[in-house]
Full PDB file with SEQRES, HELIX, SHEET, SSBOND, CRYST1, ORIGX, SCALE, CONECT and MASTER records, all heavy atoms in Angstrom:
SEQRES   1 A   32  ALA ALA GLU ILE ALA ARG PHE ILE GLY ALA LEU ALA ASP          
SEQRES   2 A   32  THR PRO ARG LEU VAL GLU VAL ALA LEU ALA ARG PHE ASP          
SEQRES   3 A   32  ALA VAL ARG ASP VAL ALA                                      
HELIX    1 AA1 ALA A    2  LEU A   22  1                                  21    
HELIX    2 AA2 PHE A   25  VAL A   31  1                                   7    
CRYST1    1.000    1.000    1.000  90.00  90.00  90.00 P 1           1          
ORIGX1      1.000000  0.000000  0.000000        0.00000                         
ORIGX2      0.000000  1.000000  0.000000        0.00000                         
ORIGX3      0.000000  0.000000  1.000000        0.00000                         
SCALE1      1.000000  0.000000  0.000000        0.00000                         
SCALE2      0.000000  1.000000  0.000000        0.00000                         
SCALE3      0.000000  0.000000  1.000000        0.00000                         
ATOM      1  N   ALA A   1      98.418  88.686 149.108  1.00  0.00           N  
ATOM      2  CA  ALA A   1      97.077  89.158 149.457  1.00  0.00           C  
ATOM      3  C   ALA A   1      96.352  89.748 148.250  1.00  0.00           C  
ATOM      4  O   ALA A   1      95.140  89.551 148.082  1.00  0.00           O  
ATOM      5  CB  ALA A   1      97.161  90.182 150.583  1.00  0.00           C  
ATOM      6  N   ALA A   2      97.068  90.456 147.398  1.00  0.00           N  
ATOM      7  CA  ALA A   2      96.436  91.069 146.224  1.00  0.00           C  
ATOM      8  C   ALA A   2      95.946  90.007 145.243  1.00  0.00           C  
ATOM      9  O   ALA A   2      94.855  90.129 144.676  1.00  0.00           O  
ATOM     10  CB  ALA A   2      97.417  92.014 145.530  1.00  0.00           C  
ATOM     11  N   GLU A   3      96.740  88.955 145.056  1.00  0.00           N  
ATOM     12  CA  GLU A   3      96.323  87.873 144.150  1.00  0.00           C  
ATOM     13  C   GLU A   3      95.106  87.140 144.699  1.00  0.00           C  
ATOM     14  O   GLU A   3      94.177  86.811 143.955  1.00  0.00           O  
ATOM     15  CB  GLU A   3      97.480  86.887 143.948  1.00  0.00           C  
ATOM     16  CG  GLU A   3      98.640  87.458 143.157  1.00  0.00           C  
ATOM     17  CD  GLU A   3      99.843  86.535 143.163  1.00  0.00           C  
ATOM     18  OE1 GLU A   3     100.269  86.113 144.266  1.00  0.00           O  
ATOM     19  OE2 GLU A   3     100.333  86.226 142.061  1.00  0.00           O  
ATOM     20  N   ILE A   4      95.107  86.893 145.994  1.00  0.00           N  
ATOM     21  CA  ILE A   4      93.969  86.214 146.614  1.00  0.00           C  
ATOM     22  C   ILE A   4      92.717  87.068 146.495  1.00  0.00           C  
ATOM     23  O   ILE A   4      91.643  86.575 146.142  1.00  0.00           O  
ATOM     24  CB  ILE A   4      94.284  85.857 148.079  1.00  0.00           C  
ATOM     25  CG1 ILE A   4      95.349  84.750 148.118  1.00  0.00           C  
ATOM     26  CG2 ILE A   4      93.021  85.429 148.830  1.00  0.00           C  
ATOM     27  CD1 ILE A   4      95.903  84.444 149.479  1.00  0.00           C  
ATOM     28  N   ALA A   5      92.848  88.370 146.733  1.00  0.00           N  
ATOM     29  CA  ALA A   5      91.700  89.274 146.605  1.00  0.00           C  
ATOM     30  C   ALA A   5      91.179  89.288 145.167  1.00  0.00           C  
ATOM     31  O   ALA A   5      89.964  89.323 144.937  1.00  0.00           O  
ATOM     32  CB  ALA A   5      92.094  90.678 147.050  1.00  0.00           C  
ATOM     33  N   ARG A   6      92.089  89.243 144.195  1.00  0.00           N  
ATOM     34  CA  ARG A   6      91.676  89.232 142.782  1.00  0.00           C  
ATOM     35  C   ARG A   6      90.866  87.965 142.471  1.00  0.00           C  
ATOM     36  O   ARG A   6      89.826  88.024 141.822  1.00  0.00           O  
ATOM     37  CB  ARG A   6      92.907  89.322 141.887  1.00  0.00           C  
ATOM     38  CG  ARG A   6      92.574  89.525 140.414  1.00  0.00           C  
ATOM     39  CD  ARG A   6      93.805  89.595 139.547  1.00  0.00           C  
ATOM     40  NE  ARG A   6      94.280  88.255 139.274  1.00  0.00           N  
ATOM     41  CZ  ARG A   6      95.500  87.809 139.552  1.00  0.00           C  
ATOM     42  NH1 ARG A   6      96.378  88.589 140.127  1.00  0.00           N  
ATOM     43  NH2 ARG A   6      95.843  86.569 139.256  1.00  0.00           N  
ATOM     44  N   PHE A   7      91.347  86.816 142.960  1.00  0.00           N  
ATOM     45  CA  PHE A   7      90.634  85.560 142.728  1.00  0.00           C  
ATOM     46  C   PHE A   7      89.274  85.548 143.422  1.00  0.00           C  
ATOM     47  O   PHE A   7      88.282  85.078 142.850  1.00  0.00           O  
ATOM     48  CB  PHE A   7      91.463  84.368 143.197  1.00  0.00           C  
ATOM     49  CG  PHE A   7      92.448  83.877 142.180  1.00  0.00           C  
ATOM     50  CD1 PHE A   7      93.805  84.089 142.357  1.00  0.00           C  
ATOM     51  CD2 PHE A   7      92.022  83.205 141.043  1.00  0.00           C  
ATOM     52  CE1 PHE A   7      94.722  83.637 141.415  1.00  0.00           C  
ATOM     53  CE2 PHE A   7      92.918  82.760 140.094  1.00  0.00           C  
ATOM     54  CZ  PHE A   7      94.283  82.978 140.287  1.00  0.00           C  
ATOM     55  N   ILE A   8      89.207  86.068 144.635  1.00  0.00           N  
ATOM     56  CA  ILE A   8      87.926  86.103 145.355  1.00  0.00           C  
ATOM     57  C   ILE A   8      86.944  87.013 144.622  1.00  0.00           C  
ATOM     58  O   ILE A   8      85.757  86.691 144.488  1.00  0.00           O  
ATOM     59  CB  ILE A   8      88.133  86.513 146.824  1.00  0.00           C  
ATOM     60  CG1 ILE A   8      88.841  85.373 147.577  1.00  0.00           C  
ATOM     61  CG2 ILE A   8      86.806  86.862 147.497  1.00  0.00           C  
ATOM     62  CD1 ILE A   8      89.235  85.693 148.991  1.00  0.00           C  
ATOM     63  N   GLY A   9      87.441  88.138 144.121  1.00  0.00           N  
ATOM     64  CA  GLY A   9      86.585  89.033 143.340  1.00  0.00           C  
ATOM     65  C   GLY A   9      86.065  88.353 142.082  1.00  0.00           C  
ATOM     66  O   GLY A   9      84.891  88.487 141.726  1.00  0.00           O  
ATOM     67  N   ALA A  10      86.945  87.607 141.415  1.00  0.00           N  
ATOM     68  CA  ALA A  10      86.536  86.886 140.200  1.00  0.00           C  
ATOM     69  C   ALA A  10      85.527  85.800 140.531  1.00  0.00           C  
ATOM     70  O   ALA A  10      84.559  85.586 139.787  1.00  0.00           O  
ATOM     71  CB  ALA A  10      87.757  86.283 139.512  1.00  0.00           C  
ATOM     72  N   LEU A  11      85.726  85.120 141.650  1.00  0.00           N  
ATOM     73  CA  LEU A  11      84.784  84.079 142.064  1.00  0.00           C  
ATOM     74  C   LEU A  11      83.413  84.688 142.359  1.00  0.00           C  
ATOM     75  O   LEU A  11      82.382  84.140 141.941  1.00  0.00           O  
ATOM     76  CB  LEU A  11      85.329  83.346 143.289  1.00  0.00           C  
ATOM     77  CG  LEU A  11      84.587  82.102 143.744  1.00  0.00           C  
ATOM     78  CD1 LEU A  11      84.522  81.058 142.646  1.00  0.00           C  
ATOM     79  CD2 LEU A  11      85.270  81.513 144.982  1.00  0.00           C  
ATOM     80  N   ALA A  12      83.397  85.827 143.020  1.00  0.00           N  
ATOM     81  CA  ALA A  12      82.133  86.502 143.326  1.00  0.00           C  
ATOM     82  C   ALA A  12      81.430  86.969 142.051  1.00  0.00           C  
ATOM     83  O   ALA A  12      80.199  87.068 142.013  1.00  0.00           O  
ATOM     84  CB  ALA A  12      82.381  87.686 144.263  1.00  0.00           C  
ATOM     85  N   ASP A  13      82.197  87.242 141.001  1.00  0.00           N  
ATOM     86  CA  ASP A  13      81.636  87.712 139.731  1.00  0.00           C  
ATOM     87  C   ASP A  13      81.163  86.568 138.836  1.00  0.00           C  
ATOM     88  O   ASP A  13      80.510  86.801 137.826  1.00  0.00           O  
ATOM     89  CB  ASP A  13      82.692  88.555 138.994  1.00  0.00           C  
ATOM     90  CG  ASP A  13      82.108  89.369 137.851  1.00  0.00           C  
ATOM     91  OD1 ASP A  13      80.968  89.877 137.991  1.00  0.00           O  
ATOM     92  OD2 ASP A  13      82.789  89.498 136.817  1.00  0.00           O  
ATOM     93  N   THR A  14      81.477  85.333 139.204  1.00  0.00           N  
ATOM     94  CA  THR A  14      81.150  84.186 138.360  1.00  0.00           C  
ATOM     95  C   THR A  14      79.654  84.044 138.049  1.00  0.00           C  
ATOM     96  O   THR A  14      79.295  83.782 136.895  1.00  0.00           O  
ATOM     97  CB  THR A  14      81.714  82.894 138.976  1.00  0.00           C  
ATOM     98  OG1 THR A  14      83.139  83.017 139.069  1.00  0.00           O  
ATOM     99  CG2 THR A  14      81.370  81.681 138.127  1.00  0.00           C  
ATOM    100  N   PRO A  15      78.752  84.236 139.011  1.00  0.00           N  
ATOM    101  CA  PRO A  15      77.325  84.123 138.659  1.00  0.00           C  
ATOM    102  C   PRO A  15      76.912  85.095 137.544  1.00  0.00           C  
ATOM    103  O   PRO A  15      76.133  84.728 136.659  1.00  0.00           O  
ATOM    104  CB  PRO A  15      76.595  84.434 139.971  1.00  0.00           C  
ATOM    105  CG  PRO A  15      77.572  84.040 141.031  1.00  0.00           C  
ATOM    106  CD  PRO A  15      78.921  84.403 140.466  1.00  0.00           C  
ATOM    107  N   ARG A  16      77.449  86.298 137.553  1.00  0.00           N  
ATOM    108  CA  ARG A  16      77.133  87.259 136.496  1.00  0.00           C  
ATOM    109  C   ARG A  16      77.662  86.768 135.150  1.00  0.00           C  
ATOM    110  O   ARG A  16      76.980  86.859 134.126  1.00  0.00           O  
ATOM    111  CB  ARG A  16      77.735  88.637 136.830  1.00  0.00           C  
ATOM    112  CG  ARG A  16      77.398  89.702 135.786  1.00  0.00           C  
ATOM    113  CD  ARG A  16      78.138  91.003 136.055  1.00  0.00           C  
ATOM    114  NE  ARG A  16      79.571  90.863 135.856  1.00  0.00           N  
ATOM    115  CZ  ARG A  16      80.171  90.899 134.657  1.00  0.00           C  
ATOM    116  NH1 ARG A  16      79.460  91.034 133.551  1.00  0.00           N  
ATOM    117  NH2 ARG A  16      81.483  90.768 134.565  1.00  0.00           N  
ATOM    118  N   LEU A  17      78.880  86.230 135.151  1.00  0.00           N  
ATOM    119  CA  LEU A  17      79.465  85.735 133.909  1.00  0.00           C  
ATOM    120  C   LEU A  17      78.688  84.541 133.357  1.00  0.00           C  
ATOM    121  O   LEU A  17      78.539  84.395 132.139  1.00  0.00           O  
ATOM    122  CB  LEU A  17      80.932  85.363 134.123  1.00  0.00           C  
ATOM    123  CG  LEU A  17      81.854  86.501 134.570  1.00  0.00           C  
ATOM    124  CD1 LEU A  17      83.278  85.997 134.722  1.00  0.00           C  
ATOM    125  CD2 LEU A  17      81.789  87.676 133.621  1.00  0.00           C  
ATOM    126  N   VAL A  18      78.188  83.698 134.244  1.00  0.00           N  
ATOM    127  CA  VAL A  18      77.356  82.566 133.820  1.00  0.00           C  
ATOM    128  C   VAL A  18      76.075  83.088 133.163  1.00  0.00           C  
ATOM    129  O   VAL A  18      75.633  82.568 132.130  1.00  0.00           O  
ATOM    130  CB  VAL A  18      77.045  81.626 135.002  1.00  0.00           C  
ATOM    131  CG1 VAL A  18      75.944  80.640 134.656  1.00  0.00           C  
ATOM    132  CG2 VAL A  18      78.321  80.886 135.421  1.00  0.00           C  
ATOM    133  N   GLU A  19      75.492  84.134 133.744  1.00  0.00           N  
ATOM    134  CA  GLU A  19      74.293  84.743 133.137  1.00  0.00           C  
ATOM    135  C   GLU A  19      74.598  85.280 131.745  1.00  0.00           C  
ATOM    136  O   GLU A  19      73.801  85.106 130.815  1.00  0.00           O  
ATOM    137  CB  GLU A  19      73.778  85.887 134.030  1.00  0.00           C  
ATOM    138  CG  GLU A  19      73.319  85.441 135.386  1.00  0.00           C  
ATOM    139  CD  GLU A  19      71.817  85.328 135.480  1.00  0.00           C  
ATOM    140  OE1 GLU A  19      71.113  85.802 134.583  1.00  0.00           O  
ATOM    141  OE2 GLU A  19      71.366  84.731 136.465  1.00  0.00           O  
ATOM    142  N   VAL A  20      75.755  85.909 131.582  1.00  0.00           N  
ATOM    143  CA  VAL A  20      76.150  86.425 130.269  1.00  0.00           C  
ATOM    144  C   VAL A  20      76.286  85.266 129.279  1.00  0.00           C  
ATOM    145  O   VAL A  20      75.796  85.343 128.147  1.00  0.00           O  
ATOM    146  CB  VAL A  20      77.471  87.229 130.365  1.00  0.00           C  
ATOM    147  CG1 VAL A  20      78.000  87.576 128.980  1.00  0.00           C  
ATOM    148  CG2 VAL A  20      77.271  88.492 131.192  1.00  0.00           C  
ATOM    149  N   ALA A  21      76.954  84.198 129.707  1.00  0.00           N  
ATOM    150  CA  ALA A  21      77.125  83.032 128.835  1.00  0.00           C  
ATOM    151  C   ALA A  21      75.773  82.413 128.467  1.00  0.00           C  
ATOM    152  O   ALA A  21      75.541  82.039 127.314  1.00  0.00           O  
ATOM    153  CB  ALA A  21      78.033  81.996 129.500  1.00  0.00           C  
ATOM    154  N   LEU A  22      74.870  82.313 129.426  1.00  0.00           N  
ATOM    155  CA  LEU A  22      73.534  81.761 129.160  1.00  0.00           C  
ATOM    156  C   LEU A  22      72.778  82.591 128.124  1.00  0.00           C  
ATOM    157  O   LEU A  22      72.042  82.046 127.300  1.00  0.00           O  
ATOM    158  CB  LEU A  22      72.718  81.708 130.453  1.00  0.00           C  
ATOM    159  CG  LEU A  22      72.995  80.540 131.384  1.00  0.00           C  
ATOM    160  CD1 LEU A  22      72.316  80.762 132.727  1.00  0.00           C  
ATOM    161  CD2 LEU A  22      72.531  79.232 130.766  1.00  0.00           C  
ATOM    162  N   ALA A  23      72.983  83.887 128.153  1.00  0.00           N  
ATOM    163  CA  ALA A  23      72.260  84.787 127.250  1.00  0.00           C  
ATOM    164  C   ALA A  23      72.724  84.661 125.803  1.00  0.00           C  
ATOM    165  O   ALA A  23      72.088  85.205 124.904  1.00  0.00           O  
ATOM    166  CB  ALA A  23      72.416  86.231 127.727  1.00  0.00           C  
ATOM    167  N   ARG A  24      73.785  83.921 125.550  1.00  0.00           N  
ATOM    168  CA  ARG A  24      74.314  83.771 124.195  1.00  0.00           C  
ATOM    169  C   ARG A  24      73.813  82.505 123.504  1.00  0.00           C  
ATOM    170  O   ARG A  24      74.426  81.999 122.578  1.00  0.00           O  
ATOM    171  CB  ARG A  24      75.832  83.802 124.258  1.00  0.00           C  
ATOM    172  CG  ARG A  24      76.305  85.157 124.776  1.00  0.00           C  
ATOM    173  CD  ARG A  24      77.774  85.278 124.817  1.00  0.00           C  
ATOM    174  NE  ARG A  24      78.131  86.596 125.328  1.00  0.00           N  
ATOM    175  CZ  ARG A  24      79.351  86.979 125.554  1.00  0.00           C  
ATOM    176  NH1 ARG A  24      80.363  86.168 125.279  1.00  0.00           N  
ATOM    177  NH2 ARG A  24      79.610  88.183 126.030  1.00  0.00           N  
ATOM    178  N   PHE A  25      72.698  82.029 123.947  1.00  0.00           N  
ATOM    179  CA  PHE A  25      72.082  80.812 123.438  1.00  0.00           C  
ATOM    180  C   PHE A  25      71.943  80.831 121.917  1.00  0.00           C  
ATOM    181  O   PHE A  25      72.255  79.858 121.239  1.00  0.00           O  
ATOM    182  CB  PHE A  25      70.712  80.653 124.104  1.00  0.00           C  
ATOM    183  CG  PHE A  25      70.030  79.352 123.836  1.00  0.00           C  
ATOM    184  CD1 PHE A  25      70.369  78.212 124.540  1.00  0.00           C  
ATOM    185  CD2 PHE A  25      69.027  79.272 122.885  1.00  0.00           C  
ATOM    186  CE1 PHE A  25      69.728  77.004 124.310  1.00  0.00           C  
ATOM    187  CE2 PHE A  25      68.372  78.073 122.647  1.00  0.00           C  
ATOM    188  CZ  PHE A  25      68.727  76.940 123.356  1.00  0.00           C  
ATOM    189  N   ASP A  26      71.482  81.939 121.367  1.00  0.00           N  
ATOM    190  CA  ASP A  26      71.260  82.017 119.920  1.00  0.00           C  
ATOM    191  C   ASP A  26      72.561  81.904 119.135  1.00  0.00           C  
ATOM    192  O   ASP A  26      72.595  81.306 118.060  1.00  0.00           O  
ATOM    193  CB  ASP A  26      70.532  83.307 119.547  1.00  0.00           C  
ATOM    194  CG  ASP A  26      69.076  83.301 120.000  1.00  0.00           C  
ATOM    195  OD1 ASP A  26      68.528  82.196 120.238  1.00  0.00           O  
ATOM    196  OD2 ASP A  26      68.482  84.392 120.120  1.00  0.00           O  
ATOM    197  N   ALA A  27      73.640  82.470 119.672  1.00  0.00           N  
ATOM    198  CA  ALA A  27      74.935  82.365 119.001  1.00  0.00           C  
ATOM    199  C   ALA A  27      75.421  80.918 118.988  1.00  0.00           C  
ATOM    200  O   ALA A  27      75.977  80.443 117.993  1.00  0.00           O  
ATOM    201  CB  ALA A  27      75.962  83.270 119.685  1.00  0.00           C  
ATOM    202  N   VAL A  28      75.192  80.206 120.078  1.00  0.00           N  
ATOM    203  CA  VAL A  28      75.567  78.788 120.136  1.00  0.00           C  
ATOM    204  C   VAL A  28      74.689  77.983 119.182  1.00  0.00           C  
ATOM    205  O   VAL A  28      75.161  77.071 118.502  1.00  0.00           O  
ATOM    206  CB  VAL A  28      75.472  78.241 121.576  1.00  0.00           C  
ATOM    207  CG1 VAL A  28      75.854  76.763 121.623  1.00  0.00           C  
ATOM    208  CG2 VAL A  28      76.368  79.045 122.524  1.00  0.00           C  
ATOM    209  N   ARG A  29      73.406  78.340 119.086  1.00  0.00           N  
ATOM    210  CA  ARG A  29      72.505  77.658 118.168  1.00  0.00           C  
ATOM    211  C   ARG A  29      72.993  77.792 116.726  1.00  0.00           C  
ATOM    212  O   ARG A  29      72.924  76.849 115.948  1.00  0.00           O  
ATOM    213  CB  ARG A  29      71.088  78.211 118.276  1.00  0.00           C  
ATOM    214  CG  ARG A  29      70.100  77.452 117.401  1.00  0.00           C  
ATOM    215  CD  ARG A  29      68.786  78.170 117.137  1.00  0.00           C  
ATOM    216  NE  ARG A  29      68.317  79.007 118.193  1.00  0.00           N  
ATOM    217  CZ  ARG A  29      67.405  78.652 119.108  1.00  0.00           C  
ATOM    218  NH1 ARG A  29      66.912  77.438 119.099  1.00  0.00           N  
ATOM    219  NH2 ARG A  29      67.021  79.507 120.018  1.00  0.00           N  
ATOM    220  N   ASP A  30      73.511  78.975 116.370  1.00  0.00           N  
ATOM    221  CA  ASP A  30      74.020  79.177 115.010  1.00  0.00           C  
ATOM    222  C   ASP A  30      75.147  78.195 114.695  1.00  0.00           C  
ATOM    223  O   ASP A  30      75.214  77.645 113.595  1.00  0.00           O  
ATOM    224  CB  ASP A  30      74.515  80.616 114.835  1.00  0.00           C  
ATOM    225  CG  ASP A  30      73.383  81.629 114.858  1.00  0.00           C  
ATOM    226  OD1 ASP A  30      72.212  81.229 114.693  1.00  0.00           O  
ATOM    227  OD2 ASP A  30      73.672  82.829 115.060  1.00  0.00           O  
ATOM    228  N   VAL A  31      76.024  77.969 115.661  1.00  0.00           N  
ATOM    229  CA  VAL A  31      77.122  77.017 115.469  1.00  0.00           C  
ATOM    230  C   VAL A  31      76.567  75.598 115.390  1.00  0.00           C  
ATOM    231  O   VAL A  31      76.926  74.827 114.494  1.00  0.00           O  
ATOM    232  CB  VAL A  31      78.166  77.139 116.602  1.00  0.00           C  
ATOM    233  CG1 VAL A  31      79.234  76.062 116.472  1.00  0.00           C  
ATOM    234  CG2 VAL A  31      78.794  78.533 116.605  1.00  0.00           C  
ATOM    235  N   ALA A  32      75.694  75.249 116.316  1.00  0.00           N  
ATOM    236  CA  ALA A  32      75.137  73.894 116.356  1.00  0.00           C  
ATOM    237  C   ALA A  32      74.437  73.544 115.048  1.00  0.00           C  
ATOM    238  O   ALA A  32      74.550  72.413 114.553  1.00  0.00           O  
ATOM    239  CB  ALA A  32      74.179  73.762 117.534  1.00  0.00           C  
TER     240      ALA A  32                                                      
MASTER        0    0    0    2    0    0    0    6  239    1    0    3          
END                                                                             
């Protein structure tokens, strides 16, 4: 149950993490 709860919490947090990744556009541009 604890592992499942951890995964569900991480899944619920995914939209926020995607927003963080999107905000790093300039860093990706430097590499490109």
